[in-house]
PDB file of N, CA and C in Angstrom:
ATOM      1  N   MET A   1     220.817 172.464-103.808  1.00  0.00           N
ATOM      2  CA  MET A   1     222.009 171.835-104.329  1.00  0.00           C
ATOM      3  C   MET A   1     221.655 170.775-105.362  1.00  0.00           C
ATOM      4  N   TRP A   2     220.514 170.081-105.155  1.00  0.00           N
ATOM      5  CA  TRP A   2     220.093 169.122-106.134  1.00  0.00           C
ATOM      6  C   TRP A   2     218.575 169.178-106.266  1.00  0.00           C
ATOM      7  N   GLN A   3     218.138 168.761-107.451  1.00  0.00           N
ATOM      8  CA  GLN A   3     216.692 168.659-107.757  1.00  0.00           C
ATOM      9  C   GLN A   3     216.471 167.280-108.349  1.00  0.00           C
ATOM     10  N   LYS A   4     215.294 166.760-108.096  1.00  0.00           N
ATOM     11  CA  LYS A   4     215.016 165.449-108.669  1.00  0.00           C
ATOM     12  C   LYS A   4     213.589 165.373-109.124  1.00  0.00           C
ATOM     13  N   ASN A   5     213.379 164.542-110.141  1.00  0.00           N
ATOM     14  CA  ASN A   5     212.040 164.207-110.572  1.00  0.00           C
ATOM     15  C   ASN A   5     212.063 162.766-111.055  1.00  0.00           C
ATOM     16  N   GLU A   6     211.029 162.300-111.688  1.00  0.00           N
ATOM     17  CA  GLU A   6     210.989 160.856-112.055  1.00  0.00           C
ATOM     18  C   GLU A   6     211.974 160.474-113.126  1.00  0.00           C
ATOM     19  N   ASN A   7     212.462 161.461-113.929  1.00  0.00           N
ATOM     20  CA  ASN A   7     213.355 161.160-115.043  1.00  0.00           C
ATOM     21  C   ASN A   7     214.776 161.667-114.896  1.00  0.00           C
ATOM     22  N   ALA A   8     214.979 162.557-113.966  1.00  0.00           N
ATOM     23  CA  ALA A   8     216.310 163.200-113.900  1.00  0.00           C
ATOM     24  C   ALA A   8     216.691 163.626-112.457  1.00  0.00           C
ATOM     25  N   PHE A   9     217.971 163.754-112.267  1.00  0.00           N
ATOM     26  CA  PHE A   9     218.549 164.221-111.017  1.00  0.00           C
ATOM     27  C   PHE A   9     219.519 165.319-111.438  1.00  0.00           C
ATOM     28  N   ILE A  10     219.295 166.552-111.000  1.00  0.00           N
ATOM     29  CA  ILE A  10     220.125 167.678-111.390  1.00  0.00           C
ATOM     30  C   ILE A  10     220.916 168.150-110.188  1.00  0.00           C
ATOM     31  N   LEU A  11     222.249 168.207-110.388  1.00  0.00           N
ATOM     32  CA  LEU A  11     223.167 168.524-109.302  1.00  0.00           C
ATOM     33  C   LEU A  11     223.903 169.822-109.645  1.00  0.00           C
ATOM     34  N   SER A  12     223.919 170.784-108.695  1.00  0.00           N
ATOM     35  CA  SER A  12     224.728 171.967-108.831  1.00  0.00           C
ATOM     36  C   SER A  12     226.131 171.649-108.388  1.00  0.00           C
ATOM     37  N   VAL A  13     227.129 172.057-109.180  1.00  0.00           N
ATOM     38  CA  VAL A  13     228.527 171.706-108.975  1.00  0.00           C
ATOM     39  C   VAL A  13     229.384 172.953-109.099  1.00  0.00           C
ATOM     40  N   ARG A  14     230.370 173.099-108.249  1.00  0.00           N
ATOM     41  CA  ARG A  14     231.418 174.137-108.372  1.00  0.00           C
ATOM     42  C   ARG A  14     232.715 173.365-108.541  1.00  0.00           C
ATOM     43  N   VAL A  15     233.346 173.502-109.709  1.00  0.00           N
ATOM     44  CA  VAL A  15     234.580 172.754-109.976  1.00  0.00           C
ATOM     45  C   VAL A  15     235.827 173.591-109.733  1.00  0.00           C
ATOM     46  N   LEU A  16     236.840 172.931-109.302  1.00  0.00           N
ATOM     47  CA  LEU A  16     238.176 173.544-109.068  1.00  0.00           C
ATOM     48  C   LEU A  16     239.164 172.812-109.960  1.00  0.00           C
ATOM     49  N   PRO A  17     239.404 173.284-111.190  1.00  0.00           N
ATOM     50  CA  PRO A  17     240.323 172.595-112.091  1.00  0.00           C
ATOM     51  C   PRO A  17     241.770 172.788-111.650  1.00  0.00           C
ATOM     52  N   ASN A  18     242.650 171.988-112.198  1.00  0.00           N
ATOM     53  CA  ASN A  18     244.116 172.046-111.934  1.00  0.00           C
ATOM     54  C   ASN A  18     244.435 171.753-110.474  1.00  0.00           C
ATOM     55  N   ALA A  19     243.602 170.934-109.803  1.00  0.00           N
ATOM     56  CA  ALA A  19     243.864 170.579-108.426  1.00  0.00           C
ATOM     57  C   ALA A  19     244.884 169.472-108.352  1.00  0.00           C
ATOM     58  N   LYS A  20     245.495 169.263-107.188  1.00  0.00           N
ATOM     59  CA  LYS A  20     246.470 168.199-107.004  1.00  0.00           C
ATOM     60  C   LYS A  20     245.843 166.835-107.177  1.00  0.00           C
ATOM     61  N   ARG A  21     244.554 166.726-106.765  1.00  0.00           N
ATOM     62  CA  ARG A  21     243.879 165.427-106.891  1.00  0.00           C
ATOM     63  C   ARG A  21     242.428 165.694-107.252  1.00  0.00           C
ATOM     64  N   THR A  22     241.766 164.664-107.714  1.00  0.00           N
ATOM     65  CA  THR A  22     240.352 164.764-108.031  1.00  0.00           C
ATOM     66  C   THR A  22     239.539 164.200-106.897  1.00  0.00           C
ATOM     67  N   GLY A  23     238.506 164.950-106.450  1.00  0.00           N
ATOM     68  CA  GLY A  23     237.667 164.462-105.367  1.00  0.00           C
ATOM     69  C   GLY A  23     236.664 165.505-104.900  1.00  0.00           C
ATOM     70  N   ILE A  24     235.757 165.037-104.084  1.00  0.00           N
ATOM     71  CA  ILE A  24     234.754 165.939-103.513  1.00  0.00           C
ATOM     72  C   ILE A  24     235.400 166.713-102.374  1.00  0.00           C
ATOM     73  N   GLU A  25     235.260 168.028-102.413  1.00  0.00           N
ATOM     74  CA  GLU A  25     235.898 168.882-101.401  1.00  0.00           C
ATOM     75  C   GLU A  25     234.861 169.391-100.376  1.00  0.00           C
ATOM     76  N   GLY A  26     233.596 169.156-100.610  1.00  0.00           N
ATOM     77  CA  GLY A  26     232.576 169.617 -99.677  1.00  0.00           C
ATOM     78  C   GLY A  26     231.472 170.375-100.380  1.00  0.00           C
ATOM     79  N   ILE A  27     230.925 171.373 -99.634  1.00  0.00           N
ATOM     80  CA  ILE A  27     229.842 172.203-100.144  1.00  0.00           C
ATOM     81  C   ILE A  27     230.366 173.630-100.348  1.00  0.00           C
ATOM     82  N   TRP A  28     229.953 174.225-101.458  1.00  0.00           N
ATOM     83  CA  TRP A  28     230.333 175.601-101.764  1.00  0.00           C
ATOM     84  C   TRP A  28     229.131 176.501-101.600  1.00  0.00           C
ATOM     85  N   ASN A  29     229.248 177.514-100.740  1.00  0.00           N
ATOM     86  CA  ASN A  29     228.176 178.533-100.516  1.00  0.00           C
ATOM     87  C   ASN A  29     226.817 177.929-100.225  1.00  0.00           C
ATOM     88  N   ASN A  30     226.756 176.797 -99.603  1.00  0.00           N
ATOM     89  CA  ASN A  30     225.512 176.103 -99.284  1.00  0.00           C
ATOM     90  C   ASN A  30     224.624 175.887-100.512  1.00  0.00           C
ATOM     91  N   SER A  31     225.249 175.874-101.715  1.00  0.00           N
ATOM     92  CA  SER A  31     224.418 175.775-102.911  1.00  0.00           C
ATOM     93  C   SER A  31     224.956 174.793-103.957  1.00  0.00           C
ATOM     94  N   ALA A  32     226.192 174.339-103.790  1.00  0.00           N
ATOM     95  CA  ALA A  32     226.744 173.459-104.806  1.00  0.00           C
ATOM     96  C   ALA A  32     227.761 172.487-104.209  1.00  0.00           C
ATOM     97  N   LEU A  33     227.888 171.360-104.847  1.00  0.00           N
ATOM     98  CA  LEU A  33     228.895 170.374-104.464  1.00  0.00           C
ATOM     99  C   LEU A  33     230.226 170.852-105.018  1.00  0.00           C
ATOM    100  N   LYS A  34     231.229 170.996-104.167  1.00  0.00           N
ATOM    101  CA  LYS A  34     232.550 171.468-104.619  1.00  0.00           C
ATOM    102  C   LYS A  34     233.416 170.251-104.968  1.00  0.00           C
ATOM    103  N   ILE A  35     233.874 170.225-106.219  1.00  0.00           N
ATOM    104  CA  ILE A  35     234.652 169.099-106.713  1.00  0.00           C
ATOM    105  C   ILE A  35     235.992 169.606-107.274  1.00  0.00           C
ATOM    106  N   ALA A  36     237.081 169.055-106.745  1.00  0.00           N
ATOM    107  CA  ALA A  36     238.414 169.361-107.269  1.00  0.00           C
ATOM    108  C   ALA A  36     238.698 168.372-108.432  1.00  0.00           C
ATOM    109  N   LEU A  37     239.278 168.933-109.494  1.00  0.00           N
ATOM    110  CA  LEU A  37     239.609 168.120-110.658  1.00  0.00           C
ATOM    111  C   LEU A  37     241.075 168.295-110.989  1.00  0.00           C
ATOM    112  N   HIS A  38     241.754 167.229-111.177  1.00  0.00           N
ATOM    113  CA  HIS A  38     243.173 167.272-111.538  1.00  0.00           C
ATOM    114  C   HIS A  38     243.350 167.851-112.953  1.00  0.00           C
ATOM    115  N   ALA A  39     242.358 167.667-113.808  1.00  0.00           N
ATOM    116  CA  ALA A  39     242.424 168.102-115.196  1.00  0.00           C
ATOM    117  C   ALA A  39     242.404 169.626-115.292  1.00  0.00           C
ATOM    118  N   PRO A  40     243.052 170.182-116.309  1.00  0.00           N
ATOM    119  CA  PRO A  40     243.027 171.612-116.527  1.00  0.00           C
ATOM    120  C   PRO A  40     241.718 172.031-117.244  1.00  0.00           C
ATOM    121  N   ALA A  41     241.352 173.276-117.115  1.00  0.00           N
ATOM    122  CA  ALA A  41     240.164 173.777-117.768  1.00  0.00           C
ATOM    123  C   ALA A  41     240.510 174.252-119.215  1.00  0.00           C
ATOM    124  N   VAL A  42     240.987 173.299-120.007  1.00  0.00           N
ATOM    125  CA  VAL A  42     241.390 173.605-121.350  1.00  0.00           C
ATOM    126  C   VAL A  42     240.791 172.566-122.304  1.00  0.00           C
ATOM    127  N   ASP A  43     240.229 173.004-123.387  1.00  0.00           N
ATOM    128  CA  ASP A  43     239.686 172.133-124.422  1.00  0.00           C
ATOM    129  C   ASP A  43     238.698 171.087-123.897  1.00  0.00           C
ATOM    130  N   GLY A  44     237.894 171.464-122.888  1.00  0.00           N
ATOM    131  CA  GLY A  44     236.891 170.557-122.350  1.00  0.00           C
ATOM    132  C   GLY A  44     237.426 169.426-121.492  1.00  0.00           C
ATOM    133  N   LYS A  45     238.718 169.447-121.139  1.00  0.00           N
ATOM    134  CA  LYS A  45     239.291 168.384-120.353  1.00  0.00           C
ATOM    135  C   LYS A  45     238.697 168.296-118.945  1.00  0.00           C
ATOM    136  N   ALA A  46     238.466 169.461-118.332  1.00  0.00           N
ATOM    137  CA  ALA A  46     237.868 169.443-116.974  1.00  0.00           C
ATOM    138  C   ALA A  46     236.441 168.941-117.039  1.00  0.00           C
ATOM    139  N   ASN A  47     235.694 169.303-118.046  1.00  0.00           N
ATOM    140  CA  ASN A  47     234.292 168.783-118.194  1.00  0.00           C
ATOM    141  C   ASN A  47     234.279 167.285-118.346  1.00  0.00           C
ATOM    142  N   LYS A  48     235.191 166.772-119.197  1.00  0.00           N
ATOM    143  CA  LYS A  48     235.285 165.329-119.385  1.00  0.00           C
ATOM    144  C   LYS A  48     235.657 164.648-118.084  1.00  0.00           C
ATOM    145  N   ALA A  49     236.640 165.209-117.350  1.00  0.00           N
ATOM    146  CA  ALA A  49     237.069 164.654-116.073  1.00  0.00           C
ATOM    147  C   ALA A  49     235.943 164.674-115.061  1.00  0.00           C
ATOM    148  N   LEU A  50     235.123 165.733-115.101  1.00  0.00           N
ATOM    149  CA  LEU A  50     233.962 165.831-114.205  1.00  0.00           C
ATOM    150  C   LEU A  50     232.994 164.697-114.484  1.00  0.00           C
ATOM    151  N   ILE A  51     232.654 164.519-115.744  1.00  0.00           N
ATOM    152  CA  ILE A  51     231.719 163.428-116.120  1.00  0.00           C
ATOM    153  C   ILE A  51     232.275 162.052-115.724  1.00  0.00           C
ATOM    154  N   ASP A  52     233.571 161.837-115.973  1.00  0.00           N
ATOM    155  CA  ASP A  52     234.230 160.586-115.614  1.00  0.00           C
ATOM    156  C   ASP A  52     234.154 160.333-114.099  1.00  0.00           C
ATOM    157  N   PHE A  53     234.447 161.400-113.322  1.00  0.00           N
ATOM    158  CA  PHE A  53     234.452 161.316-111.865  1.00  0.00           C
ATOM    159  C   PHE A  53     233.042 161.019-111.343  1.00  0.00           C
ATOM    160  N   LEU A  54     232.066 161.770-111.827  1.00  0.00           N
ATOM    161  CA  LEU A  54     230.676 161.567-111.342  1.00  0.00           C
ATOM    162  C   LEU A  54     230.182 160.175-111.731  1.00  0.00           C
ATOM    163  N   SER A  55     230.563 159.702-112.890  1.00  0.00           N
ATOM    164  CA  SER A  55     230.179 158.386-113.316  1.00  0.00           C
ATOM    165  C   SER A  55     230.720 157.328-112.335  1.00  0.00           C
ATOM    166  N   ASP A  56     231.977 157.455-111.895  1.00  0.00           N
ATOM    167  CA  ASP A  56     232.556 156.546-110.977  1.00  0.00           C
ATOM    168  C   ASP A  56     231.923 156.620-109.595  1.00  0.00           C
ATOM    169  N   VAL A  57     231.732 157.841-109.116  1.00  0.00           N
ATOM    170  CA  VAL A  57     231.201 158.037-107.752  1.00  0.00           C
ATOM    171  C   VAL A  57     229.745 157.502-107.643  1.00  0.00           C
ATOM    172  N   PHE A  58     228.922 157.841-108.678  1.00  0.00           N
ATOM    173  CA  PHE A  58     227.509 157.516-108.574  1.00  0.00           C
ATOM    174  C   PHE A  58     227.131 156.227-109.279  1.00  0.00           C
ATOM    175  N   HIS A  59     228.119 155.550-109.881  1.00  0.00           N
ATOM    176  CA  HIS A  59     227.886 154.265-110.593  1.00  0.00           C
ATOM    177  C   HIS A  59     226.849 154.426-111.664  1.00  0.00           C
ATOM    178  N   VAL A  60     227.029 155.464-112.470  1.00  0.00           N
ATOM    179  CA  VAL A  60     226.112 155.765-113.559  1.00  0.00           C
ATOM    180  C   VAL A  60     226.904 155.747-114.855  1.00  0.00           C
ATOM    181  N   LYS A  61     226.290 155.279-115.896  1.00  0.00           N
ATOM    182  CA  LYS A  61     226.951 155.294-117.242  1.00  0.00           C
ATOM    183  C   LYS A  61     227.246 156.716-117.695  1.00  0.00           C
ATOM    184  N   LYS A  62     228.381 156.957-118.290  1.00  0.00           N
ATOM    185  CA  LYS A  62     228.745 158.285-118.737  1.00  0.00           C
ATOM    186  C   LYS A  62     227.729 158.882-119.687  1.00  0.00           C
ATOM    187  N   ARG A  63     227.131 158.013-120.511  1.00  0.00           N
ATOM    188  CA  ARG A  63     226.171 158.542-121.502  1.00  0.00           C
ATOM    189  C   ARG A  63     224.897 159.065-120.824  1.00  0.00           C
ATOM    190  N   ASP A  64     224.672 158.754-119.535  1.00  0.00           N
ATOM    191  CA  ASP A  64     223.517 159.254-118.812  1.00  0.00           C
ATOM    192  C   ASP A  64     223.785 160.492-117.987  1.00  0.00           C
ATOM    193  N   ILE A  65     224.990 161.068-118.170  1.00  0.00           N
ATOM    194  CA  ILE A  65     225.352 162.270-117.452  1.00  0.00           C
ATOM    195  C   ILE A  65     225.712 163.346-118.490  1.00  0.00           C
ATOM    196  N   PHE A  66     225.184 164.550-118.337  1.00  0.00           N
ATOM    197  CA  PHE A  66     225.598 165.662-119.193  1.00  0.00           C
ATOM    198  C   PHE A  66     225.528 166.957-118.465  1.00  0.00           C
ATOM    199  N   ILE A  67     226.281 167.932-118.973  1.00  0.00           N
ATOM    200  CA  ILE A  67     226.310 169.263-118.363  1.00  0.00           C
ATOM    201  C   ILE A  67     225.162 170.053-118.953  1.00  0.00           C
ATOM    202  N   LEU A  68     224.220 170.426-118.095  1.00  0.00           N
ATOM    203  CA  LEU A  68     223.031 171.128-118.495  1.00  0.00           C
ATOM    204  C   LEU A  68     223.336 172.613-118.760  1.00  0.00           C
ATOM    205  N   SER A  69     224.159 173.200-117.868  1.00  0.00           N
ATOM    206  CA  SER A  69     224.563 174.589-118.039  1.00  0.00           C
ATOM    207  C   SER A  69     225.910 174.798-117.392  1.00  0.00           C
ATOM    208  N   GLY A  70     226.616 175.819-117.882  1.00  0.00           N
ATOM    209  CA  GLY A  70     227.924 176.169-117.288  1.00  0.00           C
ATOM    210  C   GLY A  70     229.114 175.451-117.894  1.00  0.00           C
ATOM    211  N   GLU A  71     229.021 175.072-119.166  1.00  0.00           N
ATOM    212  CA  GLU A  71     230.123 174.346-119.805  1.00  0.00           C
ATOM    213  C   GLU A  71     231.490 175.097-119.699  1.00  0.00           C
ATOM    214  N   THR A  72     231.438 176.438-119.746  1.00  0.00           N
ATOM    215  CA  THR A  72     232.683 177.208-119.689  1.00  0.00           C
ATOM    216  C   THR A  72     232.868 177.936-118.334  1.00  0.00           C
ATOM    217  N   SER A  73     232.024 177.548-117.382  1.00  0.00           N
ATOM    218  CA  SER A  73     232.064 178.193-116.067  1.00  0.00           C
ATOM    219  C   SER A  73     232.520 177.176-114.987  1.00  0.00           C
ATOM    220  N   ARG A  74     232.905 177.668-113.859  1.00  0.00           N
ATOM    221  CA  ARG A  74     233.219 176.774-112.745  1.00  0.00           C
ATOM    222  C   ARG A  74     231.937 176.266-112.096  1.00  0.00           C
ATOM    223  N   GLU A  75     230.869 177.040-112.213  1.00  0.00           N
ATOM    224  CA  GLU A  75     229.586 176.686-111.657  1.00  0.00           C
ATOM    225  C   GLU A  75     228.749 176.018-112.735  1.00  0.00           C
ATOM    226  N   LYS A  76     228.362 174.767-112.480  1.00  0.00           N
ATOM    227  CA  LYS A  76     227.670 173.973-113.497  1.00  0.00           C
ATOM    228  C   LYS A  76     226.425 173.304-112.907  1.00  0.00           C
ATOM    229  N   LYS A  77     225.524 172.997-113.795  1.00  0.00           N
ATOM    230  CA  LYS A  77     224.369 172.140-113.448  1.00  0.00           C
ATOM    231  C   LYS A  77     224.570 170.873-114.258  1.00  0.00           C
ATOM    232  N   VAL A  78     224.638 169.754-113.535  1.00  0.00           N
ATOM    233  CA  VAL A  78     224.891 168.443-114.196  1.00  0.00           C
ATOM    234  C   VAL A  78     223.585 167.623-114.052  1.00  0.00           C
ATOM    235  N   CYS A  79     223.186 167.049-115.173  1.00  0.00           N
ATOM    236  CA  CYS A  79     221.979 166.255-115.201  1.00  0.00           C
ATOM    237  C   CYS A  79     222.300 164.764-115.340  1.00  0.00           C
ATOM    238  N   PHE A  80     221.685 163.988-114.483  1.00  0.00           N
ATOM    239  CA  PHE A  80     221.770 162.519-114.549  1.00  0.00           C
ATOM    240  C   PHE A  80     220.391 162.080-115.066  1.00  0.00           C
ATOM    241  N   GLN A  81     220.361 161.356-116.149  1.00  0.00           N
ATOM    242  CA  GLN A  81     219.072 160.885-116.659  1.00  0.00           C
ATOM    243  C   GLN A  81     219.022 159.369-116.654  1.00  0.00           C
ATOM    244  N   ASN A  82     217.791 158.865-116.677  1.00  0.00           N
ATOM    245  CA  ASN A  82     217.557 157.402-116.691  1.00  0.00           C
ATOM    246  C   ASN A  82     218.139 156.718-115.472  1.00  0.00           C
ATOM    247  N   VAL A  83     218.044 157.394-114.316  1.00  0.00           N
ATOM    248  CA  VAL A  83     218.597 156.861-113.065  1.00  0.00           C
ATOM    249  C   VAL A  83     217.576 156.947-111.956  1.00  0.00           C
ATOM    250  N   ALA A  84     217.805 156.193-110.906  1.00  0.00           N
ATOM    251  CA  ALA A  84     216.964 156.259-109.714  1.00  0.00           C
ATOM    252  C   ALA A  84     217.432 157.419-108.836  1.00  0.00           C
ATOM    253  N   SER A  85     216.660 158.495-108.803  1.00  0.00           N
ATOM    254  CA  SER A  85     217.078 159.699-108.048  1.00  0.00           C
ATOM    255  C   SER A  85     217.306 159.407-106.570  1.00  0.00           C
ATOM    256  N   GLU A  86     216.517 158.516-106.013  1.00  0.00           N
ATOM    257  CA  GLU A  86     216.670 158.200-104.567  1.00  0.00           C
ATOM    258  C   GLU A  86     218.021 157.600-104.317  1.00  0.00           C
ATOM    259  N   GLU A  87     218.486 156.729-105.220  1.00  0.00           N
ATOM    260  CA  GLU A  87     219.806 156.078-105.040  1.00  0.00           C
ATOM    261  C   GLU A  87     220.914 157.089-105.167  1.00  0.00           C
ATOM    262  N   LEU A  88     220.832 158.018-106.127  1.00  0.00           N
ATOM    263  CA  LEU A  88     221.849 159.070-106.266  1.00  0.00           C
ATOM    264  C   LEU A  88     221.865 159.978-105.054  1.00  0.00           C
ATOM    265  N   GLU A  89     220.723 160.299-104.549  1.00  0.00           N
ATOM    266  CA  GLU A  89     220.659 161.154-103.343  1.00  0.00           C
ATOM    267  C   GLU A  89     221.308 160.449-102.157  1.00  0.00           C
ATOM    268  N   LYS A  90     221.075 159.161-102.015  1.00  0.00           N
ATOM    269  CA  LYS A  90     221.680 158.374-100.959  1.00  0.00           C
ATOM    270  C   LYS A  90     223.214 158.342-101.064  1.00  0.00           C
ATOM    271  N   ILE A  91     223.706 158.126-102.291  1.00  0.00           N
ATOM    272  CA  ILE A  91     225.154 158.111-102.511  1.00  0.00           C
ATOM    273  C   ILE A  91     225.738 159.477-102.235  1.00  0.00           C
ATOM    274  N   LEU A  92     225.099 160.557-102.681  1.00  0.00           N
ATOM    275  CA  LEU A  92     225.552 161.908-102.443  1.00  0.00           C
ATOM    276  C   LEU A  92     225.684 162.220-100.941  1.00  0.00           C
ATOM    277  N   LEU A  93     224.634 161.895-100.209  1.00  0.00           N
ATOM    278  CA  LEU A  93     224.649 162.112 -98.769  1.00  0.00           C
ATOM    279  C   LEU A  93     225.731 161.300 -98.067  1.00  0.00           C
ATOM    280  N   ASN A  94     225.936 160.085 -98.529  1.00  0.00           N
ATOM    281  CA  ASN A  94     227.003 159.237 -97.999  1.00  0.00           C
ATOM    282  C   ASN A  94     228.377 159.849 -98.276  1.00  0.00           C
ATOM    283  N   GLN A  95     228.576 160.370 -99.473  1.00  0.00           N
ATOM    284  CA  GLN A  95     229.850 160.994 -99.839  1.00  0.00           C
ATOM    285  C   GLN A  95     230.097 162.263 -98.973  1.00  0.00           C
ATOM    286  N   LEU A  96     229.037 163.039 -98.774  1.00  0.00           N
ATOM    287  CA  LEU A  96     229.198 164.244 -97.974  1.00  0.00           C
ATOM    288  C   LEU A  96     229.506 163.869 -96.521  1.00  0.00           C
ATOM    289  N   ASN A  97     228.879 162.885 -95.992  1.00  0.00           N
ATOM    290  CA  ASN A  97     229.173 162.447 -94.606  1.00  0.00           C
ATOM    291  C   ASN A  97     230.593 161.913 -94.504  1.00  0.00           C
ATOM    292  N   LYS A  98     231.052 161.219 -95.523  1.00  0.00           N
ATOM    293  CA  LYS A  98     232.408 160.677 -95.540  1.00  0.00           C
ATOM    294  C   LYS A  98     233.429 161.828 -95.541  1.00  0.00           C
ATOM    295  N   ASN A  99     233.139 162.924 -96.213  1.00  0.00           N
ATOM    296  CA  ASN A  99     234.070 164.052 -96.265  1.00  0.00           C
ATOM    297  C   ASN A  99     234.113 164.803 -94.949  1.00  0.00           C
ATOM    298  N   LYS A 100     233.079 164.724 -94.134  1.00  0.00           N
ATOM    299  CA  LYS A 100     233.062 165.431 -92.825  1.00  0.00           C
ATOM    300  C   LYS A 100     234.000 164.753 -91.819  1.00  0.00           C
ATOM    301  N   LEU A 101     234.288 163.476 -92.019  1.00  0.00           N
ATOM    302  CA  LEU A 101     235.116 162.759 -91.040  1.00  0.00           C
ATOM    303  C   LEU A 101     236.562 163.104 -91.175  1.00  0.00           C
TER     304      LEU A 101
END
């Protein structure tokens, strides 16, 4: 679901555009973080909403997050650069535990 090295943290994401609310929905197929987005999948709005949401959740500047692959797909690889991978992993695990409650 995620990969990390000294310079980057890569997260597999499955997006659900046009949702009632934006938020983490859990894990999809044991391989990706499932994220609902209120934004429609039109003119890059869902991609922008995804970057905005991930920036808020992980406390990372938007300029340090980009879509590595899957710009026009629901399944994406998102790269966080210039960040502490251990901190992102800790936040991600915390978010997943919070969703289980």
